[in-house]
Amino acid sequence: MVIGKNIVAASALRNVSMQYQTPEFVAGEVFPVLQANAPTMKITKYLPADYFRNDADVRGEGGEAKRGGFKTTEVTYSTVETAFAVPITDELRRNAKKQSAQPLQPDIEAIELAKRKVMLKRESEVASLITAATWADGNAGGEDTEGNWASGAGTNTFKADIKTALKTLREKGVIPGANMEIRLLLDDLTFDEVIEIDDIKDQIKYTSAESITPELLARILKIDRVIVPSVIENTARETKAGTEFTASRVWQVNSGKGMAILYAYPKRLGLRVMSAGLIVNDRFDEDEGGMHERVMKWREAPNHQDVYEVGELRDQLQVCAEAAYMFKDTIST
């Protein structure tokens, strides 16, 4: 006897597919991107002491005004190329066109995958630089808050610590202005705890029924912006099965213990601006496209495949240690 369900062969649905996506990258929201035209150069940095010294004085009749000047130093960047390539075989492309095939777009997806690999590398290297550095708090890897930003902490120090960080930045001359924002980056685990702190929830319970978003938290803290990254990377070795997955948070100092950084961010780069750091993105030569990102395709005839490659010329560097204040171990999981 023929069973009805057995006479229909299952084929791939053509208009729906499932994919995991890396959350949005935020490195460029912490260190602004400087598009350069040279692989290595020096960035001029003014020393602040001369600008804050109160040494103007009365000039006597016929006398000279008191004199002084300013000093500068330099920070050097040197870009290197980061790239990733994806081969697409003729067989894959041919079979993807079959009516019963999975709804793949091999050429488009190859470029998208290569680009995301390059962006993930940028995110990881910028985060590693930031979380290993010493900032205005004076502690390598950040000030240890001993888990006291957790909503259930006996003595929660979140607001007091942010107040201390803001005070420290102001004492360094870092304040918001026409071209300056004060931003706070909280990893997602820390943000989830902070918005459950009673003192934070109490500030809106009589005025708003909305949940606490990064934008609302920024208003509560009286800063310009709160950024909550949740980017992860897979640290497991690739195997033939392709199912191996060990998640590691990109934005962390110590695994599972939370971090945050309060920092200055310029609305636009130019002369005499303040920034905690920079991502420098060099331009490729004209014969490579002349852009700050290079997308290449070439044919490997013996292997019957095309290869798509995405690359960038990049460096990341701390510029002003006094322009940021970092915390580690904000929570403990």
Protein backbone atom coordinates (compact mmCIF):
# COMPACT_ATOMS: atom_id res chain seq x y z
CA MET A 1 0.00 0.00 0.00
CA VAL A 2 1.32 3.46 -0.90
CA ILE A 3 1.46 5.89 2.02
CA GLY A 4 0.74 9.44 0.92
CA LYS A 5 3.54 11.12 2.80
CA ASN A 6 6.12 8.80 1.21
CA ILE A 7 5.42 9.79 -2.37
CA VAL A 8 6.66 13.35 -1.81
CA ALA A 9 10.45 13.85 -1.65
CA ALA A 10 11.49 16.65 0.67
CA SER A 11 13.44 19.44 -0.99
CA ALA A 12 14.96 22.62 0.43
CA LEU A 13 12.69 25.60 0.99
CA ARG A 14 13.85 28.33 -1.37
CA ASN A 15 12.74 31.48 0.43
CA VAL A 16 13.75 30.84 4.07
CA SER A 17 17.00 29.77 5.72
CA MET A 18 18.48 30.01 9.22
CA GLN A 19 21.80 31.60 10.15
CA TYR A 20 23.61 32.75 13.27
CA GLN A 21 24.94 36.29 13.01
CA THR A 22 27.70 37.90 14.99
CA PRO A 23 26.16 40.83 16.95
CA GLU A 24 26.95 44.32 15.76
CA PHE A 25 30.59 45.35 16.03
CA VAL A 26 31.27 48.40 18.20
CA ALA A 27 35.06 48.92 18.02
CA GLY A 28 34.57 52.05 15.89
CA GLU A 29 32.25 53.46 18.56
CA VAL A 30 35.04 53.31 21.15
CA PHE A 31 38.05 54.22 19.02
CA PRO A 32 37.10 56.38 16.02
CA VAL A 33 38.35 55.25 12.61
CA LEU A 34 41.01 57.46 11.06
CA GLN A 35 41.24 56.86 7.31
CA ALA A 36 44.87 57.36 6.38
CA ASN A 37 46.93 57.40 3.20
CA ALA A 38 50.23 56.04 4.49
CA PRO A 39 51.22 52.75 6.14
CA THR A 40 53.04 54.44 9.01
CA MET A 41 53.06 58.00 10.31
CA LYS A 42 53.30 59.98 13.52
CA ILE A 43 50.22 61.51 15.15
CA THR A 44 50.92 64.73 17.03
CA LYS A 45 49.75 64.84 20.63
CA TYR A 46 49.73 68.04 22.68
CA LEU A 47 50.83 67.72 26.30
CA PRO A 48 48.12 69.08 28.60
CA ALA A 49 50.25 70.61 31.36
CA ASP A 50 51.02 73.84 29.49
CA TYR A 51 47.35 74.46 28.64
CA PHE A 52 46.17 74.17 32.25
CA ARG A 53 49.00 76.10 33.91
CA ASN A 54 47.74 79.47 35.20
CA ASP A 55 50.82 81.57 34.47
CA ALA A 56 49.56 84.68 32.69
CA ASP A 57 50.51 87.81 34.67
CA VAL A 58 50.26 91.56 34.72
CA ARG A 59 52.40 93.27 32.08
CA GLY A 60 54.02 96.41 33.47
CA GLU A 61 54.13 99.65 31.48
CA GLY A 62 56.77 99.35 28.76
CA GLY A 63 57.54 95.80 29.86
CA GLU A 64 57.18 92.44 28.18
CA ALA A 65 54.39 89.97 28.74
CA LYS A 66 55.25 86.77 30.52
CA ARG A 67 56.10 84.14 27.94
CA GLY A 68 55.63 80.45 27.52
CA GLY A 69 54.75 77.88 24.96
CA PHE A 70 53.41 74.41 24.41
CA LYS A 71 55.00 71.01 24.08
CA THR A 72 54.02 68.09 21.90
CA THR A 73 54.84 64.44 21.61
CA GLU A 74 54.05 61.87 18.95
CA VAL A 75 52.32 58.51 18.72
CA THR A 76 53.30 56.28 15.79
CA TYR A 77 50.98 53.96 13.95
CA SER A 78 52.02 51.20 11.54
CA THR A 79 49.28 49.38 9.67
CA VAL A 80 49.37 45.72 8.69
CA GLU A 81 47.00 43.83 6.42
CA THR A 82 44.28 41.64 7.87
CA ALA A 83 42.49 39.48 5.31
CA PHE A 84 40.31 36.41 4.87
CA ALA A 85 39.47 34.45 1.73
CA VAL A 86 36.66 32.05 0.83
CA PRO A 87 36.84 29.67 -2.18
CA ILE A 88 33.70 28.88 -4.15
CA THR A 89 33.92 25.78 -6.35
CA ASP A 90 32.22 25.43 -9.70
CA GLU A 91 30.33 22.42 -8.33
CA LEU A 92 28.93 24.43 -5.42
CA ARG A 93 27.84 27.27 -7.68
CA ARG A 94 26.35 24.89 -10.26
CA ASN A 95 24.46 22.78 -7.73
CA ALA A 96 23.16 25.85 -5.89
CA LYS A 97 21.14 26.66 -9.01
CA LYS A 98 19.28 23.37 -8.97
CA GLN A 99 15.59 23.53 -8.17
CA SER A 100 15.92 21.19 -5.18
CA ALA A 101 19.11 22.75 -3.83
CA GLN A 102 19.50 24.72 -0.64
CA PRO A 103 18.85 28.45 -1.20
CA LEU A 104 22.52 29.42 -1.21
CA GLN A 105 24.01 32.49 -2.88
CA PRO A 106 27.63 31.31 -2.84
CA ASP A 107 29.33 34.38 -4.32
CA ILE A 108 27.46 36.91 -2.17
CA GLU A 109 27.85 34.82 0.96
CA ALA A 110 31.58 34.34 0.37
CA ILE A 111 32.16 38.11 0.40
CA GLU A 112 29.89 38.60 3.42
CA LEU A 113 31.68 35.89 5.39
CA ALA A 114 35.13 37.24 4.53
CA LYS A 115 34.11 40.77 5.52
CA ARG A 116 32.67 39.63 8.85
CA LYS A 117 35.86 37.68 9.59
CA VAL A 118 37.94 40.82 9.04
CA MET A 119 35.58 42.92 11.18
CA LEU A 120 35.62 40.32 13.96
CA LYS A 121 39.43 40.41 13.95
CA ARG A 122 39.31 44.20 14.23
CA GLU A 123 36.84 44.00 17.11
CA SER A 124 38.91 41.41 18.96
CA GLU A 125 42.20 43.28 18.59
CA VAL A 126 40.74 46.65 19.60
CA ALA A 127 39.03 45.08 22.62
CA SER A 128 42.24 43.28 23.63
CA LEU A 129 44.23 46.51 23.42
CA ILE A 130 41.68 48.41 25.50
CA THR A 131 41.20 45.78 28.19
CA ALA A 132 44.95 45.21 28.66
CA ALA A 133 45.87 48.90 28.79
CA THR A 134 46.34 51.26 31.74
CA TRP A 135 43.97 54.25 31.68
CA ALA A 136 43.25 57.20 33.95
CA ASP A 137 42.39 54.86 36.84
CA GLY A 138 46.06 53.84 36.89
CA ASN A 139 45.42 50.09 36.99
CA ALA A 140 46.57 47.75 34.22
CA GLY A 141 43.41 46.06 32.98
CA GLY A 142 41.12 48.37 34.92
CA GLU A 143 40.09 49.10 38.50
CA ASP A 144 38.80 46.02 40.31
CA THR A 145 35.21 46.59 41.46
CA GLU A 146 35.10 43.14 43.11
CA GLY A 147 31.70 42.27 41.65
CA ASN A 148 29.96 45.17 43.35
CA TRP A 149 28.00 46.26 40.28
CA ALA A 150 25.82 43.16 40.48
CA SER A 151 22.20 43.95 41.33
CA GLY A 152 22.35 41.71 44.40
CA ALA A 153 25.64 43.04 45.77
CA GLY A 154 25.50 43.87 49.48
CA THR A 155 26.95 47.32 48.84
CA ASN A 156 26.43 48.28 45.21
CA THR A 157 29.10 50.72 44.00
CA PHE A 158 27.99 51.28 40.38
CA LYS A 159 26.84 54.89 40.67
CA ALA A 160 29.66 55.82 43.04
CA ASP A 161 32.26 54.29 40.73
CA ILE A 162 30.87 56.10 37.68
CA LYS A 163 30.88 59.34 39.68
CA THR A 164 34.53 58.75 40.59
CA ALA A 165 35.41 58.05 36.95
CA LEU A 166 33.65 61.20 35.73
CA LYS A 167 35.40 63.26 38.41
CA THR A 168 38.78 61.80 37.40
CA LEU A 169 38.23 62.61 33.72
CA ARG A 170 37.16 66.17 34.57
CA GLU A 171 40.32 66.60 36.62
CA LYS A 172 42.27 65.58 33.51
CA GLY A 173 40.44 68.26 31.52
CA VAL A 174 38.18 65.78 29.72
CA ILE A 175 34.66 67.21 29.57
CA PRO A 176 31.86 67.04 26.99
CA GLY A 177 31.74 69.87 24.49
CA ALA A 178 30.88 70.84 20.93
CA ASN A 179 33.09 68.07 19.53
CA MET A 180 33.36 65.77 22.53
CA GLU A 181 31.13 63.05 23.95
CA ILE A 182 31.50 61.09 27.16
CA ARG A 183 30.52 57.49 26.54
CA LEU A 184 30.25 54.37 28.68
CA LEU A 185 30.77 50.86 27.31
CA LEU A 186 29.32 48.07 29.45
CA ASP A 187 29.55 44.44 28.44
CA ASP A 188 26.12 42.85 28.10
CA LEU A 189 26.40 40.82 31.31
CA THR A 190 27.15 43.94 33.31
CA PHE A 191 24.35 45.90 31.65
CA ASP A 192 21.84 43.18 32.53
CA GLU A 193 22.84 43.54 36.19
CA VAL A 194 23.04 47.32 36.30
CA ILE A 195 19.49 47.84 35.04
CA GLU A 196 18.24 45.70 37.93
CA ILE A 197 19.91 47.86 40.59
CA ASP A 198 17.16 49.31 42.81
CA ASP A 199 18.71 52.78 42.83
CA ILE A 200 18.68 52.84 39.02
CA LYS A 201 15.11 51.56 38.72
CA ASP A 202 13.92 54.01 41.37
CA GLN A 203 14.91 56.96 39.19
CA ILE A 204 12.26 56.18 36.59
CA LYS A 205 9.53 54.27 38.42
CA TYR A 206 7.32 57.34 38.92
CA THR A 207 8.00 58.95 35.55
CA SER A 208 8.17 56.17 32.99
CA ALA A 209 6.80 52.71 32.36
CA GLU A 210 9.52 51.85 29.83
CA SER A 211 12.28 49.38 30.50
CA ILE A 212 15.80 50.70 31.03
CA THR A 213 17.57 50.84 27.69
CA PRO A 214 21.15 51.96 26.99
CA GLU A 215 19.74 55.34 25.91
CA LEU A 216 17.77 55.75 29.15
CA LEU A 217 20.74 54.67 31.27
CA ALA A 218 22.85 57.35 29.55
CA ARG A 219 20.26 59.97 30.55
CA ILE A 220 20.20 58.70 34.14
CA LEU A 221 24.01 58.92 34.34
CA LYS A 222 24.04 62.30 32.53
CA ILE A 223 26.47 61.14 29.87
CA ASP A 224 26.16 61.16 26.08
CA ARG A 225 25.91 57.48 25.24
CA VAL A 226 25.93 53.96 26.66
CA ILE A 227 27.13 51.13 24.41
CA VAL A 228 26.41 47.48 25.20
CA PRO A 229 28.46 45.01 23.11
CA SER A 230 27.65 41.32 23.02
CA VAL A 231 30.17 40.19 20.40
CA ILE A 232 31.46 36.65 20.85
CA GLU A 233 34.11 34.62 19.07
CA ASN A 234 34.42 30.87 18.65
CA THR A 235 37.70 29.69 20.17
CA ALA A 236 37.21 25.98 19.33
CA ARG A 237 39.44 24.34 16.73
CA GLU A 238 37.71 23.71 13.42
CA THR A 239 36.92 20.09 12.63
CA LYS A 240 35.48 18.36 9.61
CA ALA A 241 32.06 18.17 11.27
CA GLY A 242 31.94 21.96 11.66
CA THR A 243 29.79 21.79 14.80
CA GLU A 244 32.48 22.71 17.34
CA PHE A 245 31.66 25.91 19.23
CA THR A 246 33.27 27.44 22.32
CA ALA A 247 31.99 30.94 22.90
CA SER A 248 34.24 33.63 24.34
CA ARG A 249 33.15 37.22 24.88
CA VAL A 250 35.32 39.66 22.98
CA TRP A 251 34.76 42.48 25.48
CA GLN A 252 36.05 41.08 28.76
CA VAL A 253 39.05 41.34 31.05
CA ASN A 254 38.41 38.18 33.07
CA SER A 255 36.01 35.56 31.76
CA GLY A 256 32.44 36.03 32.99
CA LYS A 257 33.29 38.81 35.42
CA GLY A 258 32.20 41.88 33.48
CA MET A 259 33.93 45.10 32.44
CA ALA A 260 33.20 48.73 31.63
CA ILE A 261 35.06 51.73 30.32
CA LEU A 262 34.10 55.40 30.50
CA TYR A 263 35.84 57.41 27.80
CA ALA A 264 36.04 60.51 25.60
CA TYR A 265 34.95 60.19 21.98
CA PRO A 266 35.25 62.93 19.35
CA LYS A 267 32.23 63.57 17.14
CA ARG A 268 34.64 64.19 14.28
CA LEU A 269 38.38 63.83 13.87
CA GLY A 270 40.55 66.79 12.98
CA LEU A 271 43.11 69.11 14.50
CA ARG A 272 43.34 69.48 18.27
CA VAL A 273 40.72 66.90 19.30
CA MET A 274 40.67 64.44 22.19
CA SER A 275 40.25 60.69 21.81
CA ALA A 276 41.19 57.75 24.01
CA GLY A 277 42.48 55.86 21.00
CA LEU A 278 42.29 55.42 17.24
CA ILE A 279 41.71 52.74 14.64
CA VAL A 280 43.87 53.69 11.67
CA ASN A 281 42.69 52.37 8.31
CA ASP A 282 45.20 52.86 5.47
CA ARG A 283 44.24 53.06 1.80
CA PHE A 284 45.20 50.36 -0.70
CA ASP A 285 47.15 51.30 -3.85
CA GLU A 286 45.20 52.34 -6.92
CA ASP A 287 45.98 49.06 -8.70
CA GLU A 288 44.35 47.30 -5.72
CA GLY A 289 41.22 49.45 -5.95
CA GLY A 290 42.40 52.53 -4.06
CA MET A 291 39.91 52.04 -1.22
CA HIS A 292 40.26 51.51 2.53
CA GLU A 293 38.83 48.02 2.12
CA ARG A 294 39.91 45.68 -0.67
CA VAL A 295 37.65 43.02 -2.17
CA MET A 296 39.39 40.67 -4.60
CA LYS A 297 38.28 37.77 -6.76
CA TRP A 298 40.55 35.46 -8.71
CA ARG A 299 40.24 32.22 -10.62
CA GLU A 300 42.08 29.04 -9.62
CA ALA A 301 41.44 27.05 -12.77
CA PRO A 302 43.19 23.77 -11.75
CA ASN A 303 40.93 23.62 -8.69
CA HIS A 304 37.82 24.71 -10.65
CA GLN A 305 37.04 27.48 -8.17
CA ASP A 306 36.94 31.22 -7.65
CA VAL A 307 38.35 32.79 -4.48
CA TYR A 308 36.94 35.89 -2.82
CA GLU A 309 39.15 37.84 -0.41
CA VAL A 310 38.41 40.85 1.79
CA GLY A 311 41.25 42.76 3.43
CA GLU A 312 42.06 45.95 5.30
CA LEU A 313 45.25 47.76 6.31
CA ARG A 314 44.83 48.58 9.99
CA ASP A 315 46.44 49.48 13.28
CA GLN A 316 44.86 50.36 16.63
CA LEU A 317 46.54 52.42 19.29
CA GLN A 318 46.00 54.06 22.62
CA VAL A 319 46.42 57.81 22.20
CA CYS A 320 45.36 59.47 25.46
CA ALA A 321 45.40 57.29 28.57
CA GLU A 322 43.93 60.15 30.57
CA ALA A 323 40.81 60.14 28.37
CA ALA A 324 39.32 56.88 29.70
CA TYR A 325 38.63 55.11 33.00
CA MET A 326 38.18 51.33 33.01
CA PHE A 327 36.66 48.85 35.44
CA LYS A 328 37.06 45.07 35.65
CA ASP A 329 35.24 42.32 37.54
CA THR A 330 32.10 44.46 37.66
CA ILE A 331 30.08 41.30 38.30
CA SER A 332 30.88 37.68 39.06
CA THR A 333 29.11 34.82 37.32
